[in-house]
PDB file of N, CA and C in Angstrom:
ATOM      1  N   MET A   1      87.887  70.945-141.036  1.00  0.00           N
ATOM      2  CA  MET A   1      88.763  69.778-140.984  1.00  0.00           C
ATOM      3  C   MET A   1      89.494  69.592-142.297  1.00  0.00           C
ATOM      4  N   LYS A   2      88.753  69.766-143.422  1.00  0.00           N
ATOM      5  CA  LYS A   2      89.337  69.577-144.743  1.00  0.00           C
ATOM      6  C   LYS A   2      90.407  70.660-145.001  1.00  0.00           C
ATOM      7  N   ALA A   3      90.148  71.898-144.590  1.00  0.00           N
ATOM      8  CA  ALA A   3      91.116  73.000-144.745  1.00  0.00           C
ATOM      9  C   ALA A   3      92.368  72.701-143.946  1.00  0.00           C
ATOM     10  N   LYS A   4      92.248  72.122-142.780  1.00  0.00           N
ATOM     11  CA  LYS A   4      93.389  71.813-141.951  1.00  0.00           C
ATOM     12  C   LYS A   4      94.286  70.765-142.624  1.00  0.00           C
ATOM     13  N   LYS A   5      93.670  69.746-143.257  1.00  0.00           N
ATOM     14  CA  LYS A   5      94.428  68.727-143.955  1.00  0.00           C
ATOM     15  C   LYS A   5      95.166  69.327-145.171  1.00  0.00           C
ATOM     16  N   ILE A   6      94.502  70.237-145.848  1.00  0.00           N
ATOM     17  CA  ILE A   6      95.131  70.895-147.009  1.00  0.00           C
ATOM     18  C   ILE A   6      96.347  71.706-146.566  1.00  0.00           C
ATOM     19  N   ILE A   7      96.179  72.435-145.489  1.00  0.00           N
ATOM     20  CA  ILE A   7      97.293  73.254-144.953  1.00  0.00           C
ATOM     21  C   ILE A   7      98.461  72.349-144.512  1.00  0.00           C
ATOM     22  N   LEU A   8      98.154  71.270-143.812  1.00  0.00           N
ATOM     23  CA  LEU A   8      99.176  70.357-143.354  1.00  0.00           C
ATOM     24  C   LEU A   8      99.888  69.689-144.550  1.00  0.00           C
ATOM     25  N   SER A   9      99.141  69.336-145.555  1.00  0.00           N
ATOM     26  CA  SER A   9      99.726  68.726-146.774  1.00  0.00           C
ATOM     27  C   SER A   9     100.633  69.721-147.479  1.00  0.00           C
ATOM     28  N   SER A  10     100.178  70.970-147.565  1.00  0.00           N
ATOM     29  CA  SER A  10     100.999  72.015-148.201  1.00  0.00           C
ATOM     30  C   SER A  10     102.285  72.232-147.439  1.00  0.00           C
ATOM     31  N   LEU A  11     102.209  72.254-146.126  1.00  0.00           N
ATOM     32  CA  LEU A  11     103.414  72.424-145.321  1.00  0.00           C
ATOM     33  C   LEU A  11     104.371  71.251-145.490  1.00  0.00           C
ATOM     34  N   ALA A  12     103.842  70.057-145.584  1.00  0.00           N
ATOM     35  CA  ALA A  12     104.693  68.875-145.774  1.00  0.00           C
ATOM     36  C   ALA A  12     105.401  68.928-147.116  1.00  0.00           C
ATOM     37  N   VAL A  13     104.685  69.353-148.174  1.00  0.00           N
ATOM     38  CA  VAL A  13     105.275  69.441-149.508  1.00  0.00           C
ATOM     39  C   VAL A  13     106.342  70.548-149.506  1.00  0.00           C
ATOM     40  N   ALA A  14     106.053  71.688-148.902  1.00  0.00           N
ATOM     41  CA  ALA A  14     107.014  72.790-148.840  1.00  0.00           C
ATOM     42  C   ALA A  14     108.271  72.381-148.054  1.00  0.00           C
ATOM     43  N   SER A  15     108.083  71.660-146.978  1.00  0.00           N
ATOM     44  CA  SER A  15     109.227  71.190-146.171  1.00  0.00           C
ATOM     45  C   SER A  15     110.092  70.206-146.977  1.00  0.00           C
ATOM     46  N   ALA A  16     109.439  69.300-147.693  1.00  0.00           N
ATOM     47  CA  ALA A  16     110.182  68.343-148.498  1.00  0.00           C
ATOM     48  C   ALA A  16     110.964  69.053-149.598  1.00  0.00           C
ATOM     49  N   GLY A  17     110.341  70.075-150.201  1.00  0.00           N
ATOM     50  CA  GLY A  17     111.024  70.848-151.215  1.00  0.00           C
ATOM     51  C   GLY A  17     112.225  71.595-150.672  1.00  0.00           C
ATOM     52  N   ALA A  18     112.080  72.177-149.514  1.00  0.00           N
ATOM     53  CA  ALA A  18     113.190  72.889-148.886  1.00  0.00           C
ATOM     54  C   ALA A  18     114.314  71.935-148.510  1.00  0.00           C
ATOM     55  N   LEU A  19     113.946  70.763-148.030  1.00  0.00           N
ATOM     56  CA  LEU A  19     114.963  69.764-147.678  1.00  0.00           C
ATOM     57  C   LEU A  19     115.733  69.321-148.940  1.00  0.00           C
ATOM     58  N   ALA A  20     114.997  69.054-150.007  1.00  0.00           N
ATOM     59  CA  ALA A  20     115.651  68.652-151.277  1.00  0.00           C
ATOM     60  C   ALA A  20     116.580  69.744-151.791  1.00  0.00           C
ATOM     61  N   ALA A  21     116.173  70.989-151.695  1.00  0.00           N
ATOM     62  CA  ALA A  21     117.018  72.095-152.142  1.00  0.00           C
ATOM     63  C   ALA A  21     118.278  72.197-151.275  1.00  0.00           C
ATOM     64  N   GLY A  22     118.132  71.985-149.974  1.00  0.00           N
ATOM     65  CA  GLY A  22     119.275  72.008-149.091  1.00  0.00           C
ATOM     66  C   GLY A  22     120.266  70.884-149.383  1.00  0.00           C
ATOM     67  N   VAL A  23     119.736  69.695-149.606  1.00  0.00           N
ATOM     68  CA  VAL A  23     120.613  68.554-149.912  1.00  0.00           C
ATOM     69  C   VAL A  23     121.363  68.813-151.235  1.00  0.00           C
ATOM     70  N   TYR A  24     120.690  69.354-152.215  1.00  0.00           N
ATOM     71  CA  TYR A  24     121.300  69.671-153.516  1.00  0.00           C
ATOM     72  C   TYR A  24     122.438  70.647-153.348  1.00  0.00           C
ATOM     73  N   LYS A  25     122.193  71.712-152.557  1.00  0.00           N
ATOM     74  CA  LYS A  25     123.225  72.724-152.365  1.00  0.00           C
ATOM     75  C   LYS A  25     124.433  72.146-151.652  1.00  0.00           C
ATOM     76  N   ILE A  26     124.201  71.326-150.650  1.00  0.00           N
ATOM     77  CA  ILE A  26     125.307  70.709-149.921  1.00  0.00           C
ATOM     78  C   ILE A  26     126.114  69.812-150.856  1.00  0.00           C
ATOM     79  N   ALA A  27     125.450  69.011-151.679  1.00  0.00           N
ATOM     80  CA  ALA A  27     126.168  68.135-152.605  1.00  0.00           C
ATOM     81  C   ALA A  27     126.957  68.944-153.617  1.00  0.00           C
ATOM     82  N   LYS A  28     126.412  70.038-154.092  1.00  0.00           N
ATOM     83  CA  LYS A  28     127.105  70.901-155.056  1.00  0.00           C
ATOM     84  C   LYS A  28     128.323  71.533-154.407  1.00  0.00           C
ATOM     85  N   ASP A  29     128.205  72.006-153.169  1.00  0.00           N
ATOM     86  CA  ASP A  29     129.330  72.617-152.473  1.00  0.00           C
ATOM     87  C   ASP A  29     130.449  71.592-152.209  1.00  0.00           C
ATOM     88  N   GLN A  30     130.059  70.363-151.867  1.00  0.00           N
ATOM     89  CA  GLN A  30     131.064  69.310-151.628  1.00  0.00           C
ATOM     90  C   GLN A  30     131.805  68.973-152.917  1.00  0.00           C
ATOM     91  N   LYS A  31     131.100  68.941-154.017  1.00  0.00           N
ATOM     92  CA  LYS A  31     131.748  68.673-155.328  1.00  0.00           C
ATOM     93  C   LYS A  31     132.730  69.776-155.676  1.00  0.00           C
ATOM     94  N   ARG A  32     132.339  71.029-155.435  1.00  0.00           N
ATOM     95  CA  ARG A  32     133.202  72.171-155.714  1.00  0.00           C
ATOM     96  C   ARG A  32     134.453  72.106-154.835  1.00  0.00           C
ATOM     97  N   LEU A  33     134.291  71.774-153.554  1.00  0.00           N
ATOM     98  CA  LEU A  33     135.446  71.686-152.682  1.00  0.00           C
ATOM     99  C   LEU A  33     136.380  70.547-153.079  1.00  0.00           C
ATOM    100  N   ARG A  34     135.803  69.423-153.485  1.00  0.00           N
ATOM    101  CA  ARG A  34     136.624  68.306-153.949  1.00  0.00           C
ATOM    102  C   ARG A  34     137.437  68.706-155.182  1.00  0.00           C
ATOM    103  N   THR A  35     136.790  69.417-156.115  1.00  0.00           N
ATOM    104  CA  THR A  35     137.479  69.863-157.317  1.00  0.00           C
ATOM    105  C   THR A  35     138.611  70.838-156.923  1.00  0.00           C
ATOM    106  N   GLN A  36     138.327  71.772-156.034  1.00  0.00           N
ATOM    107  CA  GLN A  36     139.378  72.719-155.611  1.00  0.00           C
ATOM    108  C   GLN A  36     140.540  72.000-154.908  1.00  0.00           C
ATOM    109  N   GLU A  37     140.211  70.999-154.106  1.00  0.00           N
ATOM    110  CA  GLU A  37     141.290  70.226-153.449  1.00  0.00           C
ATOM    111  C   GLU A  37     142.176  69.565-154.495  1.00  0.00           C
ATOM    112  N   GLU A  38     141.606  69.043-155.560  1.00  0.00           N
ATOM    113  CA  GLU A  38     142.395  68.419-156.617  1.00  0.00           C
ATOM    114  C   GLU A  38     143.274  69.446-157.316  1.00  0.00           C
ATOM    115  N   LEU A  39     142.726  70.638-157.584  1.00  0.00           N
ATOM    116  CA  LEU A  39     143.511  71.694-158.217  1.00  0.00           C
ATOM    117  C   LEU A  39     144.659  72.153-157.297  1.00  0.00           C
ATOM    118  N   VAL A  40     144.384  72.278-156.008  1.00  0.00           N
ATOM    119  CA  VAL A  40     145.427  72.657-155.051  1.00  0.00           C
ATOM    120  C   VAL A  40     146.534  71.618-155.031  1.00  0.00           C
ATOM    121  N   ALA A  41     146.182  70.347-155.079  1.00  0.00           N
ATOM    122  CA  ALA A  41     147.199  69.298-155.112  1.00  0.00           C
ATOM    123  C   ALA A  41     148.059  69.389-156.334  1.00  0.00           C
ATOM    124  N   GLU A  42     147.453  69.714-157.483  1.00  0.00           N
ATOM    125  CA  GLU A  42     148.220  69.844-158.736  1.00  0.00           C
ATOM    126  C   GLU A  42     149.166  71.037-158.663  1.00  0.00           C
ATOM    127  N   VAL A  43     148.685  72.151-158.141  1.00  0.00           N
ATOM    128  CA  VAL A  43     149.531  73.353-157.962  1.00  0.00           C
ATOM    129  C   VAL A  43     150.678  73.056-157.048  1.00  0.00           C
ATOM    130  N   ARG A  44     150.373  72.440-155.889  1.00  0.00           N
ATOM    131  CA  ARG A  44     151.429  72.107-154.930  1.00  0.00           C
ATOM    132  C   ARG A  44     152.500  71.225-155.572  1.00  0.00           C
ATOM    133  N   GLU A  45     152.057  70.223-156.325  1.00  0.00           N
ATOM    134  CA  GLU A  45     153.009  69.313-156.964  1.00  0.00           C
ATOM    135  C   GLU A  45     153.936  70.063-157.937  1.00  0.00           C
ATOM    136  N   GLN A  46     153.390  70.986-158.691  1.00  0.00           N
ATOM    137  CA  GLN A  46     154.218  71.730-159.665  1.00  0.00           C
ATOM    138  C   GLN A  46     155.144  72.741-158.943  1.00  0.00           C
ATOM    139  N   MET A  47     154.648  73.379-157.902  1.00  0.00           N
ATOM    140  CA  MET A  47     155.445  74.421-157.241  1.00  0.00           C
ATOM    141  C   MET A  47     156.528  73.833-156.324  1.00  0.00           C
ATOM    142  N   GLU A  48     156.368  72.571-155.874  1.00  0.00           N
ATOM    143  CA  GLU A  48     157.362  71.973-154.958  1.00  0.00           C
ATOM    144  C   GLU A  48     158.721  71.829-155.650  1.00  0.00           C
ATOM    145  N   ALA A  49     158.722  71.834-156.963  1.00  0.00           N
ATOM    146  CA  ALA A  49     160.001  71.724-157.680  1.00  0.00           C
ATOM    147  C   ALA A  49     160.841  72.993-157.466  1.00  0.00           C
ATOM    148  N   MET A  50     160.219  74.078-157.025  1.00  0.00           N
ATOM    149  CA  MET A  50     160.915  75.348-156.828  1.00  0.00           C
ATOM    150  C   MET A  50     161.469  75.502-155.427  1.00  0.00           C
ATOM    151  N   GLY A  51     161.095  74.601-154.523  1.00  0.00           N
ATOM    152  CA  GLY A  51     161.569  74.694-153.146  1.00  0.00           C
ATOM    153  C   GLY A  51     160.538  74.149-152.167  1.00  0.00           C
ATOM    154  N   THR A  52     160.850  74.271-150.894  1.00  0.00           N
ATOM    155  CA  THR A  52     159.947  73.766-149.855  1.00  0.00           C
ATOM    156  C   THR A  52     158.883  74.826-149.574  1.00  0.00           C
ATOM    157  N   ILE A  53     157.620  74.397-149.698  1.00  0.00           N
ATOM    158  CA  ILE A  53     156.502  75.309-149.520  1.00  0.00           C
ATOM    159  C   ILE A  53     156.186  75.483-148.031  1.00  0.00           C
ATOM    160  N   ALA A  54     156.146  76.721-147.580  1.00  0.00           N
ATOM    161  CA  ALA A  54     155.730  77.002-146.213  1.00  0.00           C
ATOM    162  C   ALA A  54     154.215  77.163-146.151  1.00  0.00           C
ATOM    163  N   THR A  55     153.647  77.879-147.117  1.00  0.00           N
ATOM    164  CA  THR A  55     152.205  78.160-147.136  1.00  0.00           C
ATOM    165  C   THR A  55     151.718  78.210-148.570  1.00  0.00           C
ATOM    166  N   LEU A  56     150.587  77.582-148.811  1.00  0.00           N
ATOM    167  CA  LEU A  56     149.895  77.707-150.097  1.00  0.00           C
ATOM    168  C   LEU A  56     148.484  78.176-149.740  1.00  0.00           C
ATOM    169  N   TYR A  57     148.062  79.294-150.331  1.00  0.00           N
ATOM    170  CA  TYR A  57     146.734  79.798-150.032  1.00  0.00           C
ATOM    171  C   TYR A  57     145.949  80.018-151.314  1.00  0.00           C
ATOM    172  N   VAL A  58     144.610  79.979-151.161  1.00  0.00           N
ATOM    173  CA  VAL A  58     143.707  80.153-152.299  1.00  0.00           C
ATOM    174  C   VAL A  58     142.819  81.354-151.999  1.00  0.00           C
ATOM    175  N   GLU A  59     142.671  82.203-152.964  1.00  0.00           N
ATOM    176  CA  GLU A  59     141.763  83.364-152.869  1.00  0.00           C
ATOM    177  C   GLU A  59     140.405  82.915-153.430  1.00  0.00           C
ATOM    178  N   LEU A  60     139.522  82.518-152.520  1.00  0.00           N
ATOM    179  CA  LEU A  60     138.235  81.958-152.930  1.00  0.00           C
ATOM    180  C   LEU A  60     137.373  82.930-153.719  1.00  0.00           C
ATOM    181  N   TYR A  61     137.462  84.208-153.409  1.00  0.00           N
ATOM    182  CA  TYR A  61     136.612  85.195-154.097  1.00  0.00           C
ATOM    183  C   TYR A  61     137.029  85.383-155.546  1.00  0.00           C
ATOM    184  N   GLU A  62     138.254  84.993-155.916  1.00  0.00           N
ATOM    185  CA  GLU A  62     138.701  85.105-157.325  1.00  0.00           C
ATOM    186  C   GLU A  62     138.681  83.744-158.015  1.00  0.00           C
ATOM    187  N   SER A  63     138.549  82.690-157.271  1.00  0.00           N
ATOM    188  CA  SER A  63     138.624  81.330-157.844  1.00  0.00           C
ATOM    189  C   SER A  63     137.226  80.846-158.248  1.00  0.00           C
ATOM    190  N   SER A  64     137.217  79.815-159.099  1.00  0.00           N
ATOM    191  CA  SER A  64     135.983  79.151-159.491  1.00  0.00           C
ATOM    192  C   SER A  64     136.251  77.667-159.566  1.00  0.00           C
ATOM    193  N   GLU A  65     135.284  76.896-160.107  1.00  0.00           N
ATOM    194  CA  GLU A  65     135.500  75.450-160.209  1.00  0.00           C
ATOM    195  C   GLU A  65     136.622  75.116-161.181  1.00  0.00           C
ATOM    196  N   GLU A  66     136.795  75.924-162.211  1.00  0.00           N
ATOM    197  CA  GLU A  66     137.809  75.621-163.258  1.00  0.00           C
ATOM    198  C   GLU A  66     139.072  76.436-163.069  1.00  0.00           C
ATOM    199  N   ARG A  67     139.056  77.425-162.230  1.00  0.00           N
ATOM    200  CA  ARG A  67     140.181  78.371-162.090  1.00  0.00           C
ATOM    201  C   ARG A  67     140.546  78.545-160.632  1.00  0.00           C
ATOM    202  N   LEU A  68     141.846  78.431-160.352  1.00  0.00           N
ATOM    203  CA  LEU A  68     142.306  78.588-158.994  1.00  0.00           C
ATOM    204  C   LEU A  68     143.277  79.747-158.921  1.00  0.00           C
ATOM    205  N   VAL A  69     143.029  80.698-158.029  1.00  0.00           N
ATOM    206  CA  VAL A  69     143.871  81.873-157.852  1.00  0.00           C
ATOM    207  C   VAL A  69     144.385  81.887-156.438  1.00  0.00           C
ATOM    208  N   GLY A  70     145.682  82.138-156.271  1.00  0.00           N
ATOM    209  CA  GLY A  70     146.204  82.123-154.912  1.00  0.00           C
ATOM    210  C   GLY A  70     147.667  82.509-154.874  1.00  0.00           C
ATOM    211  N   GLY A  71     148.360  81.982-153.899  1.00  0.00           N
ATOM    212  CA  GLY A  71     149.782  82.278-153.746  1.00  0.00           C
ATOM    213  C   GLY A  71     150.502  81.203-152.976  1.00  0.00           C
ATOM    214  N   VAL A  72     151.813  81.233-153.103  1.00  0.00           N
ATOM    215  CA  VAL A  72     152.677  80.282-152.424  1.00  0.00           C
ATOM    216  C   VAL A  72     153.773  81.061-151.744  1.00  0.00           C
ATOM    217  N   ILE A  73     154.071  80.755-150.489  1.00  0.00           N
ATOM    218  CA  ILE A  73     155.188  81.319-149.785  1.00  0.00           C
ATOM    219  C   ILE A  73     156.112  80.167-149.462  1.00  0.00           C
ATOM    220  N   PHE A  74     157.371  80.303-149.905  1.00  0.00           N
ATOM    221  CA  PHE A  74     158.359  79.262-149.673  1.00  0.00           C
ATOM    222  C   PHE A  74     159.095  79.524-148.352  1.00  0.00           C
ATOM    223  N   GLU A  75     159.745  78.531-147.863  1.00  0.00           N
ATOM    224  CA  GLU A  75     160.458  78.644-146.596  1.00  0.00           C
ATOM    225  C   GLU A  75     161.609  79.669-146.642  1.00  0.00           C
ATOM    226  N   ASP A  76     162.140  79.913-147.864  1.00  0.00           N
ATOM    227  CA  ASP A  76     163.177  80.925-147.990  1.00  0.00           C
ATOM    228  C   ASP A  76     162.575  82.336-148.199  1.00  0.00           C
ATOM    229  N   GLU A  77     161.273  82.488-147.910  1.00  0.00           N
ATOM    230  CA  GLU A  77     160.530  83.727-147.896  1.00  0.00           C
ATOM    231  C   GLU A  77     160.212  84.289-149.288  1.00  0.00           C
ATOM    232  N   ARG A  78     160.408  83.495-150.341  1.00  0.00           N
ATOM    233  CA  ARG A  78     159.957  83.954-151.671  1.00  0.00           C
ATOM    234  C   ARG A  78     158.433  83.793-151.691  1.00  0.00           C
ATOM    235  N   HIS A  79     157.792  84.715-152.369  1.00  0.00           N
ATOM    236  CA  HIS A  79     156.326  84.726-152.446  1.00  0.00           C
ATOM    237  C   HIS A  79     155.899  84.821-153.912  1.00  0.00           C
ATOM    238  N   TYR A  80     155.100  83.872-154.341  1.00  0.00           N
ATOM    239  CA  TYR A  80     154.606  83.839-155.718  1.00  0.00           C
ATOM    240  C   TYR A  80     153.072  83.847-155.714  1.00  0.00           C
ATOM    241  N   ARG A  81     152.487  84.629-156.631  1.00  0.00           N
ATOM    242  CA  ARG A  81     151.044  84.590-156.872  1.00  0.00           C
ATOM    243  C   ARG A  81     150.846  83.704-158.097  1.00  0.00           C
ATOM    244  N   PHE A  82     149.757  82.948-158.119  1.00  0.00           N
ATOM    245  CA  PHE A  82     149.545  82.045-159.244  1.00  0.00           C
ATOM    246  C   PHE A  82     148.079  82.070-159.708  1.00  0.00           C
ATOM    247  N   VAL A  83     147.907  81.640-160.969  1.00  0.00           N
ATOM    248  CA  VAL A  83     146.611  81.363-161.554  1.00  0.00           C
ATOM    249  C   VAL A  83     146.735  80.015-162.207  1.00  0.00           C
ATOM    250  N   TYR A  84     145.898  79.070-161.833  1.00  0.00           N
ATOM    251  CA  TYR A  84     145.893  77.722-162.431  1.00  0.00           C
ATOM    252  C   TYR A  84     144.568  77.545-163.121  1.00  0.00           C
ATOM    253  N   GLU A  85     144.639  77.366-164.459  1.00  0.00           N
ATOM    254  CA  GLU A  85     143.438  77.238-165.260  1.00  0.00           C
ATOM    255  C   GLU A  85     143.709  76.343-166.448  1.00  0.00           C
ATOM    256  N   ASP A  86     142.813  75.430-166.722  1.00  0.00           N
ATOM    257  CA  ASP A  86     142.896  74.510-167.855  1.00  0.00           C
ATOM    258  C   ASP A  86     144.228  73.756-167.857  1.00  0.00           C
ATOM    259  N   GLY A  87     144.707  73.367-166.683  1.00  0.00           N
ATOM    260  CA  GLY A  87     145.925  72.592-166.582  1.00  0.00           C
ATOM    261  C   GLY A  87     147.215  73.399-166.713  1.00  0.00           C
ATOM    262  N   LEU A  88     147.092  74.729-166.874  1.00  0.00           N
ATOM    263  CA  LEU A  88     148.272  75.584-167.027  1.00  0.00           C
ATOM    264  C   LEU A  88     148.455  76.430-165.768  1.00  0.00           C
ATOM    265  N   LEU A  89     149.706  76.429-165.271  1.00  0.00           N
ATOM    266  CA  LEU A  89     150.017  77.209-164.083  1.00  0.00           C
ATOM    267  C   LEU A  89     150.812  78.435-164.516  1.00  0.00           C
ATOM    268  N   GLN A  90     150.283  79.608-164.198  1.00  0.00           N
ATOM    269  CA  GLN A  90     150.967  80.854-164.442  1.00  0.00           C
ATOM    270  C   GLN A  90     151.287  81.476-163.105  1.00  0.00           C
ATOM    271  N   TYR A  91     152.509  81.942-162.920  1.00  0.00           N
ATOM    272  CA  TYR A  91     152.866  82.532-161.655  1.00  0.00           C
ATOM    273  C   TYR A  91     153.896  83.638-161.847  1.00  0.00           C
ATOM    274  N   GLU A  92     153.939  84.528-160.866  1.00  0.00           N
ATOM    275  CA  GLU A  92     154.935  85.580-160.854  1.00  0.00           C
ATOM    276  C   GLU A  92     155.340  85.853-159.427  1.00  0.00           C
ATOM    277  N   GLU A  93     156.600  86.261-159.271  1.00  0.00           N
ATOM    278  CA  GLU A  93     157.114  86.522-157.917  1.00  0.00           C
ATOM    279  C   GLU A  93     156.614  87.875-157.452  1.00  0.00           C
ATOM    280  N   GLU A  94     156.225  87.927-156.206  1.00  0.00           N
ATOM    281  CA  GLU A  94     155.794  89.161-155.546  1.00  0.00           C
ATOM    282  C   GLU A  94     156.977  89.675-154.753  1.00  0.00           C
ATOM    283  N   LYS A  95     157.275  90.952-154.941  1.00  0.00           N
ATOM    284  CA  LYS A  95     158.341  91.595-154.168  1.00  0.00           C
ATOM    285  C   LYS A  95     157.746  92.229-152.947  1.00  0.00           C
ATOM    286  N   LEU A  96     158.166  91.768-151.780  1.00  0.00           N
ATOM    287  CA  LEU A  96     157.620  92.288-150.523  1.00  0.00           C
ATOM    288  C   LEU A  96     158.476  93.399-149.958  1.00  0.00           C
TER     289      LEU A  96
END
């Protein structure tokens, strides 16, 4: 009987730990997404001066919390790749 209580207690502690780790990861992911949304809004605001944006995309595998890498396609079919880091937007036109 005592061994059964120890096993059940251990399972309860392990479950609580797993739940806490899951909640932490979800909160961290939401913070990262919120930060990226803010960076995308800043890039969009700066690039709109160049024309009407048809598509703005982000390359998640190259981006991080502080750095946004992606591209913009304008309605007149111009395509620019950009890197936005530390408040600075660097971009160059892609020739298709």
